[in-house]
């Protein structure tokens, strides 16, 4: 069972496919677009754009609609779209 959003203080994202994620960057929630193979470090990952995971239920929170990325532990690969690891 998934218990919490991906929030480890700092996480490294690696796109497995072209993907748009909702993440916290410099204290602000924002959309981050990554091409397949691209990496970036964010404060935490909230989820993916609804078009990226249409079979999943999206929520609306703080002015944006997204599909939450919940996981039990890192590393994780929510929706098979992005690999999430604790940033070194």
PDB file of N, CA and C in Angstrom:
ATOM      1  N   UNK A   1       0.847  -1.181   0.000  1.00  0.00           N
ATOM      2  CA  UNK A   1       0.000   0.000   0.000  1.00  0.00           C
ATOM      3  C   UNK A   1       0.888   1.238   0.000  1.00  0.00           C
ATOM      4  N   UNK A   2       0.548   2.205  -0.832  1.00  0.00           N
ATOM      5  CA  UNK A   2       1.325   3.433  -0.909  1.00  0.00           C
ATOM      6  C   UNK A   2       0.963   4.319   0.272  1.00  0.00           C
ATOM      7  N   UNK A   3       1.990   4.886   0.906  1.00  0.00           N
ATOM      8  CA  UNK A   3       1.717   5.588   2.146  1.00  0.00           C
ATOM      9  C   UNK A   3       2.030   7.079   2.128  1.00  0.00           C
ATOM     10  N   UNK A   4       2.896   7.558   1.258  1.00  0.00           N
ATOM     11  CA  UNK A   4       3.216   8.980   1.306  1.00  0.00           C
ATOM     12  C   UNK A   4       3.721   9.468  -0.038  1.00  0.00           C
ATOM     13  N   UNK A   5       3.580  10.791  -0.306  1.00  0.00           N
ATOM     14  CA  UNK A   5       4.156  11.322  -1.532  1.00  0.00           C
ATOM     15  C   UNK A   5       5.670  11.278  -1.419  1.00  0.00           C
ATOM     16  N   UNK A   6       6.317  11.378  -2.545  1.00  0.00           N
ATOM     17  CA  UNK A   6       7.780  11.312  -2.546  1.00  0.00           C
ATOM     18  C   UNK A   6       8.313  12.629  -2.011  1.00  0.00           C
ATOM     19  N   UNK A   7       8.785  12.586  -0.774  1.00  0.00           N
ATOM     20  CA  UNK A   7       9.225  13.777  -0.065  1.00  0.00           C
ATOM     21  C   UNK A   7      10.379  13.392   0.834  1.00  0.00           C
ATOM     22  N   UNK A   8      11.570  13.473   0.295  1.00  0.00           N
ATOM     23  CA  UNK A   8      12.749  13.067   1.052  1.00  0.00           C
ATOM     24  C   UNK A   8      13.696  14.228   1.279  1.00  0.00           C
ATOM     25  N   UNK A   9      13.221  15.438   1.133  1.00  0.00           N
ATOM     26  CA  UNK A   9      14.097  16.594   1.278  1.00  0.00           C
ATOM     27  C   UNK A   9      14.716  16.977  -0.041  1.00  0.00           C
ATOM     28  N   UNK A  10      15.327  16.026  -0.727  1.00  0.00           N
ATOM     29  CA  UNK A  10      15.925  16.257  -2.028  1.00  0.00           C
ATOM     30  C   UNK A  10      15.932  14.934  -2.779  1.00  0.00           C
ATOM     31  N   UNK A  11      15.316  14.923  -3.952  1.00  0.00           N
ATOM     32  CA  UNK A  11      15.271  13.699  -4.742  1.00  0.00           C
ATOM     33  C   UNK A  11      15.802  13.953  -6.148  1.00  0.00           C
ATOM     34  N   UNK A  12      16.459  12.934  -6.692  1.00  0.00           N
ATOM     35  CA  UNK A  12      16.955  12.997  -8.061  1.00  0.00           C
ATOM     36  C   UNK A  12      15.947  12.288  -8.948  1.00  0.00           C
ATOM     37  N   UNK A  13      15.529  12.965 -10.005  1.00  0.00           N
ATOM     38  CA  UNK A  13      14.604  12.402 -10.968  1.00  0.00           C
ATOM     39  C   UNK A  13      15.361  12.062 -12.245  1.00  0.00           C
ATOM     40  N   UNK A  14      15.086  10.895 -12.797  1.00  0.00           N
ATOM     41  CA  UNK A  14      15.611  10.501 -14.097  1.00  0.00           C
ATOM     42  C   UNK A  14      14.418  10.085 -14.946  1.00  0.00           C
ATOM     43  N   UNK A  15      14.177  10.805 -16.023  1.00  0.00           N
ATOM     44  CA  UNK A  15      13.036  10.504 -16.883  1.00  0.00           C
ATOM     45  C   UNK A  15      13.290   9.211 -17.644  1.00  0.00           C
ATOM     46  N   UNK A  16      12.356   8.275 -17.542  1.00  0.00           N
ATOM     47  CA  UNK A  16      12.431   7.028 -18.307  1.00  0.00           C
ATOM     48  C   UNK A  16      11.783   7.210 -19.679  1.00  0.00           C
ATOM     49  N   UNK A  17      10.911   8.205 -19.789  1.00  0.00           N
ATOM     50  CA  UNK A  17      10.235   8.621 -21.025  1.00  0.00           C
ATOM     51  C   UNK A  17      10.103  10.134 -20.934  1.00  0.00           C
ATOM     52  N   UNK A  18       9.736  10.794 -22.016  1.00  0.00           N
ATOM     53  CA  UNK A  18       9.408  12.213 -21.924  1.00  0.00           C
ATOM     54  C   UNK A  18       8.275  12.333 -20.914  1.00  0.00           C
ATOM     55  N   UNK A  19       8.432  13.241 -19.949  1.00  0.00           N
ATOM     56  CA  UNK A  19       7.465  13.315 -18.859  1.00  0.00           C
ATOM     57  C   UNK A  19       7.366  14.742 -18.326  1.00  0.00           C
ATOM     58  N   UNK A  20       6.187  15.079 -17.822  1.00  0.00           N
ATOM     59  CA  UNK A  20       5.975  16.344 -17.116  1.00  0.00           C
ATOM     60  C   UNK A  20       5.547  15.991 -15.703  1.00  0.00           C
ATOM     61  N   UNK A  21       6.302  16.488 -14.721  1.00  0.00           N
ATOM     62  CA  UNK A  21       6.022  16.181 -13.321  1.00  0.00           C
ATOM     63  C   UNK A  21       5.701  17.456 -12.563  1.00  0.00           C
ATOM     64  N   UNK A  22       4.974  17.299 -11.466  1.00  0.00           N
ATOM     65  CA  UNK A  22       4.717  18.409 -10.540  1.00  0.00           C
ATOM     66  C   UNK A  22       5.671  18.209  -9.379  1.00  0.00           C
ATOM     67  N   UNK A  23       6.521  19.192  -9.143  1.00  0.00           N
ATOM     68  CA  UNK A  23       7.554  19.061  -8.123  1.00  0.00           C
ATOM     69  C   UNK A  23       7.771  20.389  -7.416  1.00  0.00           C
ATOM     70  N   UNK A  24       8.428  20.327  -6.281  1.00  0.00           N
ATOM     71  CA  UNK A  24       8.801  21.534  -5.549  1.00  0.00           C
ATOM     72  C   UNK A  24      10.244  21.870  -5.910  1.00  0.00           C
ATOM     73  N   UNK A  25      10.433  23.059  -6.470  1.00  0.00           N
ATOM     74  CA  UNK A  25      11.752  23.535  -6.877  1.00  0.00           C
ATOM     75  C   UNK A  25      11.958  24.899  -6.234  1.00  0.00           C
ATOM     76  N   UNK A  26      13.016  25.033  -5.462  1.00  0.00           N
ATOM     77  CA  UNK A  26      13.319  26.288  -4.760  1.00  0.00           C
ATOM     78  C   UNK A  26      12.122  26.784  -3.961  1.00  0.00           C
ATOM     79  N   UNK A  27      11.456  25.853  -3.282  1.00  0.00           N
ATOM     80  CA  UNK A  27      10.353  26.195  -2.402  1.00  0.00           C
ATOM     81  C   UNK A  27       9.025  26.454  -3.080  1.00  0.00           C
ATOM     82  N   UNK A  28       8.962  26.306  -4.405  1.00  0.00           N
ATOM     83  CA  UNK A  28       7.739  26.596  -5.144  1.00  0.00           C
ATOM     84  C   UNK A  28       7.284  25.380  -5.942  1.00  0.00           C
ATOM     85  N   UNK A  29       6.000  25.009  -5.844  1.00  0.00           N
ATOM     86  CA  UNK A  29       5.490  23.939  -6.699  1.00  0.00           C
ATOM     87  C   UNK A  29       5.457  24.420  -8.146  1.00  0.00           C
ATOM     88  N   UNK A  30       5.932  23.579  -9.056  1.00  0.00           N
ATOM     89  CA  UNK A  30       5.924  23.947 -10.464  1.00  0.00           C
ATOM     90  C   UNK A  30       5.977  22.707 -11.343  1.00  0.00           C
ATOM     91  N   UNK A  31       5.634  22.895 -12.613  1.00  0.00           N
ATOM     92  CA  UNK A  31       5.745  21.833 -13.596  1.00  0.00           C
ATOM     93  C   UNK A  31       7.181  21.756 -14.073  1.00  0.00           C
ATOM     94  N   UNK A  32       7.700  20.544 -14.186  1.00  0.00           N
ATOM     95  CA  UNK A  32       9.063  20.308 -14.671  1.00  0.00           C
ATOM     96  C   UNK A  32       8.942  19.333 -15.836  1.00  0.00           C
ATOM     97  N   UNK A  33       9.427  19.743 -16.994  1.00  0.00           N
ATOM     98  CA  UNK A  33       9.409  18.878 -18.176  1.00  0.00           C
ATOM     99  C   UNK A  33      10.788  18.257 -18.353  1.00  0.00           C
ATOM    100  N   UNK A  34      10.803  16.936 -18.502  1.00  0.00           N
ATOM    101  CA  UNK A  34      12.054  16.202 -18.697  1.00  0.00           C
ATOM    102  C   UNK A  34      11.936  15.336 -19.937  1.00  0.00           C
ATOM    103  N   UNK A  35      12.974  15.346 -20.757  1.00  0.00           N
ATOM    104  CA  UNK A  35      13.048  14.432 -21.885  1.00  0.00           C
ATOM    105  C   UNK A  35      13.618  13.109 -21.405  1.00  0.00           C
ATOM    106  N   UNK A  36      13.341  12.047 -22.122  1.00  0.00           N
ATOM    107  CA  UNK A  36      13.840  10.716 -21.749  1.00  0.00           C
ATOM    108  C   UNK A  36      15.351  10.784 -21.502  1.00  0.00           C
ATOM    109  N   UNK A  37      15.764  10.288 -20.353  1.00  0.00           N
ATOM    110  CA  UNK A  37      17.177  10.284 -19.982  1.00  0.00           C
ATOM    111  C   UNK A  37      17.642  11.509 -19.209  1.00  0.00           C
ATOM    112  N   UNK A  38      16.874  12.578 -19.235  1.00  0.00           N
ATOM    113  CA  UNK A  38      17.253  13.788 -18.499  1.00  0.00           C
ATOM    114  C   UNK A  38      17.119  13.570 -17.006  1.00  0.00           C
ATOM    115  N   UNK A  39      17.961  14.278 -16.248  1.00  0.00           N
ATOM    116  CA  UNK A  39      17.926  14.205 -14.794  1.00  0.00           C
ATOM    117  C   UNK A  39      17.811  15.604 -14.203  1.00  0.00           C
ATOM    118  N   UNK A  40      17.249  15.673 -13.003  1.00  0.00           N
ATOM    119  CA  UNK A  40      17.242  16.919 -12.236  1.00  0.00           C
ATOM    120  C   UNK A  40      17.030  16.569 -10.773  1.00  0.00           C
ATOM    121  N   UNK A  41      17.363  17.513  -9.914  1.00  0.00           N
ATOM    122  CA  UNK A  41      17.153  17.346  -8.477  1.00  0.00           C
ATOM    123  C   UNK A  41      16.092  18.343  -8.051  1.00  0.00           C
ATOM    124  N   UNK A  42      15.088  17.842  -7.311  1.00  0.00           N
ATOM    125  CA  UNK A  42      13.999  18.678  -6.805  1.00  0.00           C
ATOM    126  C   UNK A  42      13.858  18.438  -5.304  1.00  0.00           C
ATOM    127  N   UNK A  43      13.143  19.335  -4.639  1.00  0.00           N
ATOM    128  CA  UNK A  43      12.933  19.169  -3.201  1.00  0.00           C
ATOM    129  C   UNK A  43      12.004  18.004  -2.902  1.00  0.00           C
ATOM    130  N   UNK A  44      10.935  17.882  -3.674  1.00  0.00           N
ATOM    131  CA  UNK A  44      10.074  16.709  -3.575  1.00  0.00           C
ATOM    132  C   UNK A  44       9.227  16.603  -4.829  1.00  0.00           C
ATOM    133  N   UNK A  45       8.724  15.416  -5.065  1.00  0.00           N
ATOM    134  CA  UNK A  45       7.903  15.129  -6.230  1.00  0.00           C
ATOM    135  C   UNK A  45       6.470  14.939  -5.763  1.00  0.00           C
ATOM    136  N   UNK A  46       5.555  15.728  -6.355  1.00  0.00           N
ATOM    137  CA  UNK A  46       4.146  15.597  -6.011  1.00  0.00           C
ATOM    138  C   UNK A  46       3.435  14.577  -6.894  1.00  0.00           C
ATOM    139  N   UNK A  47       3.746  14.601  -8.188  1.00  0.00           N
ATOM    140  CA  UNK A  47       3.083  13.688  -9.093  1.00  0.00           C
ATOM    141  C   UNK A  47       3.401  13.989 -10.539  1.00  0.00           C
ATOM    142  N   UNK A  48       2.583  13.429 -11.436  1.00  0.00           N
ATOM    143  CA  UNK A  48       2.784  13.609 -12.869  1.00  0.00           C
ATOM    144  C   UNK A  48       1.562  14.295 -13.479  1.00  0.00           C
ATOM    145  N   UNK A  49       1.777  14.892 -14.631  1.00  0.00           N
ATOM    146  CA  UNK A  49       0.689  15.546 -15.357  1.00  0.00           C
ATOM    147  C   UNK A  49      -0.371  14.498 -15.683  1.00  0.00           C
ATOM    148  N   UNK A  50      -1.662  14.857 -15.582  1.00  0.00           N
ATOM    149  CA  UNK A  50      -2.728  13.880 -15.838  1.00  0.00           C
ATOM    150  C   UNK A  50      -2.630  13.190 -17.198  1.00  0.00           C
ATOM    151  N   UNK A  51      -2.105  13.874 -18.208  1.00  0.00           N
ATOM    152  CA  UNK A  51      -1.957  13.256 -19.530  1.00  0.00           C
ATOM    153  C   UNK A  51      -0.915  12.141 -19.526  1.00  0.00           C
ATOM    154  N   UNK A  52      -0.021  12.141 -18.545  1.00  0.00           N
ATOM    155  CA  UNK A  52       1.033  11.130 -18.465  1.00  0.00           C
ATOM    156  C   UNK A  52       0.513   9.812 -17.888  1.00  0.00           C
ATOM    157  N   UNK A  53      -0.539   9.875 -17.095  1.00  0.00           N
ATOM    158  CA  UNK A  53      -1.100   8.683 -16.443  1.00  0.00           C
ATOM    159  C   UNK A  53      -2.627   8.758 -16.489  1.00  0.00           C
ATOM    160  N   UNK A  54      -3.203   8.706 -17.702  1.00  0.00           N
ATOM    161  CA  UNK A  54      -4.643   8.908 -17.836  1.00  0.00           C
ATOM    162  C   UNK A  54      -5.503   7.855 -17.148  1.00  0.00           C
ATOM    163  N   UNK A  55      -4.946   6.688 -16.870  1.00  0.00           N
ATOM    164  CA  UNK A  55      -5.718   5.638 -16.219  1.00  0.00           C
ATOM    165  C   UNK A  55      -5.816   5.851 -14.710  1.00  0.00           C
ATOM    166  N   UNK A  56      -5.076   6.812 -14.195  1.00  0.00           N
ATOM    167  CA  UNK A  56      -5.060   7.074 -12.756  1.00  0.00           C
ATOM    168  C   UNK A  56      -5.901   8.303 -12.417  1.00  0.00           C
ATOM    169  N   UNK A  57      -6.283   8.399 -11.161  1.00  0.00           N
ATOM    170  CA  UNK A  57      -7.142   9.499 -10.706  1.00  0.00           C
ATOM    171  C   UNK A  57      -6.310  10.730 -10.343  1.00  0.00           C
ATOM    172  N   UNK A  58      -6.631  11.835 -10.963  1.00  0.00           N
ATOM    173  CA  UNK A  58      -5.941  13.093 -10.700  1.00  0.00           C
ATOM    174  C   UNK A  58      -6.620  13.842  -9.555  1.00  0.00           C
ATOM    175  N   UNK A  59      -5.855  14.699  -8.898  1.00  0.00           N
ATOM    176  CA  UNK A  59      -6.392  15.568  -7.855  1.00  0.00           C
ATOM    177  C   UNK A  59      -6.056  17.019  -8.217  1.00  0.00           C
ATOM    178  N   UNK A  60      -6.761  17.946  -7.610  1.00  0.00           N
ATOM    179  CA  UNK A  60      -6.475  19.371  -7.787  1.00  0.00           C
ATOM    180  C   UNK A  60      -6.010  19.909  -6.447  1.00  0.00           C
ATOM    181  N   UNK A  61      -4.811  20.458  -6.419  1.00  0.00           N
ATOM    182  CA  UNK A  61      -4.236  20.958  -5.175  1.00  0.00           C
ATOM    183  C   UNK A  61      -3.335  22.140  -5.465  1.00  0.00           C
ATOM    184  N   UNK A  62      -3.518  23.212  -4.729  1.00  0.00           N
ATOM    185  CA  UNK A  62      -2.693  24.417  -4.845  1.00  0.00           C
ATOM    186  C   UNK A  62      -2.571  24.916  -6.275  1.00  0.00           C
ATOM    187  N   UNK A  63      -3.712  24.979  -6.963  1.00  0.00           N
ATOM    188  CA  UNK A  63      -3.744  25.571  -8.288  1.00  0.00           C
ATOM    189  C   UNK A  63      -3.340  24.679  -9.435  1.00  0.00           C
ATOM    190  N   UNK A  64      -3.132  23.389  -9.195  1.00  0.00           N
ATOM    191  CA  UNK A  64      -2.726  22.489 -10.274  1.00  0.00           C
ATOM    192  C   UNK A  64      -3.432  21.144 -10.140  1.00  0.00           C
ATOM    193  N   UNK A  65      -3.657  20.517 -11.268  1.00  0.00           N
ATOM    194  CA  UNK A  65      -4.233  19.188 -11.291  1.00  0.00           C
ATOM    195  C   UNK A  65      -3.146  18.211 -11.707  1.00  0.00           C
ATOM    196  N   UNK A  66      -2.948  17.156 -10.905  1.00  0.00           N
ATOM    197  CA  UNK A  66      -1.906  16.173 -11.196  1.00  0.00           C
ATOM    198  C   UNK A  66      -2.291  14.827 -10.598  1.00  0.00           C
ATOM    199  N   UNK A  67      -1.601  13.781 -11.049  1.00  0.00           N
ATOM    200  CA  UNK A  67      -1.794  12.443 -10.496  1.00  0.00           C
ATOM    201  C   UNK A  67      -0.707  12.247  -9.441  1.00  0.00           C
ATOM    202  N   UNK A  68      -1.078  12.073  -8.181  1.00  0.00           N
ATOM    203  CA  UNK A  68      -0.069  11.953  -7.126  1.00  0.00           C
ATOM    204  C   UNK A  68       0.852  10.756  -7.328  1.00  0.00           C
ATOM    205  N   UNK A  69       2.115  10.959  -6.997  1.00  0.00           N
ATOM    206  CA  UNK A  69       3.115   9.883  -7.033  1.00  0.00           C
ATOM    207  C   UNK A  69       3.331   9.430  -5.598  1.00  0.00           C
ATOM    208  N   UNK A  70       2.731   8.310  -5.230  1.00  0.00           N
ATOM    209  CA  UNK A  70       2.841   7.771  -3.879  1.00  0.00           C
ATOM    210  C   UNK A  70       3.786   6.583  -3.915  1.00  0.00           C
ATOM    211  N   UNK A  71       4.559   6.400  -2.858  1.00  0.00           N
ATOM    212  CA  UNK A  71       5.441   5.234  -2.814  1.00  0.00           C
ATOM    213  C   UNK A  71       5.762   4.899  -1.370  1.00  0.00           C
ATOM    214  N   UNK A  72       6.263   3.710  -1.174  1.00  0.00           N
ATOM    215  CA  UNK A  72       6.648   3.252   0.158  1.00  0.00           C
ATOM    216  C   UNK A  72       8.119   3.507   0.447  1.00  0.00           C
ATOM    217  N   UNK A  73       8.949   3.467  -0.594  1.00  0.00           N
ATOM    218  CA  UNK A  73      10.390   3.602  -0.395  1.00  0.00           C
ATOM    219  C   UNK A  73      11.045   4.067  -1.697  1.00  0.00           C
ATOM    220  N   UNK A  74      12.232   4.597  -1.565  1.00  0.00           N
ATOM    221  CA  UNK A  74      13.032   4.984  -2.732  1.00  0.00           C
ATOM    222  C   UNK A  74      14.197   4.017  -2.855  1.00  0.00           C
ATOM    223  N   UNK A  75      14.659   3.711  -4.051  1.00  0.00           N
ATOM    224  CA  UNK A  75      14.209   4.256  -5.330  1.00  0.00           C
ATOM    225  C   UNK A  75      12.838   3.728  -5.717  1.00  0.00           C
ATOM    226  N   UNK A  76      12.167   4.506  -6.569  1.00  0.00           N
ATOM    227  CA  UNK A  76      10.842   4.144  -7.054  1.00  0.00           C
ATOM    228  C   UNK A  76      10.712   4.603  -8.500  1.00  0.00           C
ATOM    229  N   UNK A  77       9.758   4.031  -9.218  1.00  0.00           N
ATOM    230  CA  UNK A  77       9.487   4.415 -10.606  1.00  0.00           C
ATOM    231  C   UNK A  77       7.982   4.604 -10.792  1.00  0.00           C
ATOM    232  N   UNK A  78       7.443   5.729 -10.282  1.00  0.00           N
ATOM    233  CA  UNK A  78       5.999   5.945 -10.390  1.00  0.00           C
ATOM    234  C   UNK A  78       5.523   5.932 -11.838  1.00  0.00           C
ATOM    235  N   UNK A  79       4.518   5.111 -12.088  1.00  0.00           N
ATOM    236  CA  UNK A  79       3.879   4.991 -13.390  1.00  0.00           C
ATOM    237  C   UNK A  79       4.836   4.545 -14.488  1.00  0.00           C
ATOM    238  N   UNK A  80       6.050   4.105 -14.122  1.00  0.00           N
ATOM    239  CA  UNK A  80       7.038   3.687 -15.115  1.00  0.00           C
ATOM    240  C   UNK A  80       7.555   4.842 -15.955  1.00  0.00           C
ATOM    241  N   UNK A  81       7.371   6.079 -15.459  1.00  0.00           N
ATOM    242  CA  UNK A  81       7.732   7.263 -16.228  1.00  0.00           C
ATOM    243  C   UNK A  81       9.017   7.931 -15.775  1.00  0.00           C
ATOM    244  N   UNK A  82       9.294   7.849 -14.485  1.00  0.00           N
ATOM    245  CA  UNK A  82      10.446   8.571 -13.927  1.00  0.00           C
ATOM    246  C   UNK A  82      11.021   7.763 -12.779  1.00  0.00           C
ATOM    247  N   UNK A  83      12.349   7.677 -12.723  1.00  0.00           N
ATOM    248  CA  UNK A  83      13.001   7.008 -11.599  1.00  0.00           C
ATOM    249  C   UNK A  83      13.300   8.080 -10.555  1.00  0.00           C
ATOM    250  N   UNK A  84      12.963   7.777  -9.306  1.00  0.00           N
ATOM    251  CA  UNK A  84      13.129   8.721  -8.207  1.00  0.00           C
ATOM    252  C   UNK A  84      14.062   8.091  -7.170  1.00  0.00           C
ATOM    253  N   UNK A  85      15.110   8.821  -6.835  1.00  0.00           N
ATOM    254  CA  UNK A  85      16.092   8.347  -5.855  1.00  0.00           C
ATOM    255  C   UNK A  85      16.402   9.474  -4.891  1.00  0.00           C
ATOM    256  N   UNK A  86      16.886   9.118  -3.715  1.00  0.00           N
ATOM    257  CA  UNK A  86      17.359  10.137  -2.775  1.00  0.00           C
ATOM    258  C   UNK A  86      18.591  10.773  -3.391  1.00  0.00           C
ATOM    259  N   UNK A  87      18.613  12.104  -3.454  1.00  0.00           N
ATOM    260  CA  UNK A  87      19.761  12.814  -4.035  1.00  0.00           C
ATOM    261  C   UNK A  87      20.965  12.669  -3.106  1.00  0.00           C
ATOM    262  N   UNK A  88      22.114  12.470  -3.715  1.00  0.00           N
ATOM    263  CA  UNK A  88      23.354  12.300  -2.942  1.00  0.00           C
ATOM    264  C   UNK A  88      23.872  13.635  -2.440  1.00  0.00           C
TER     265      UNK A  88
END
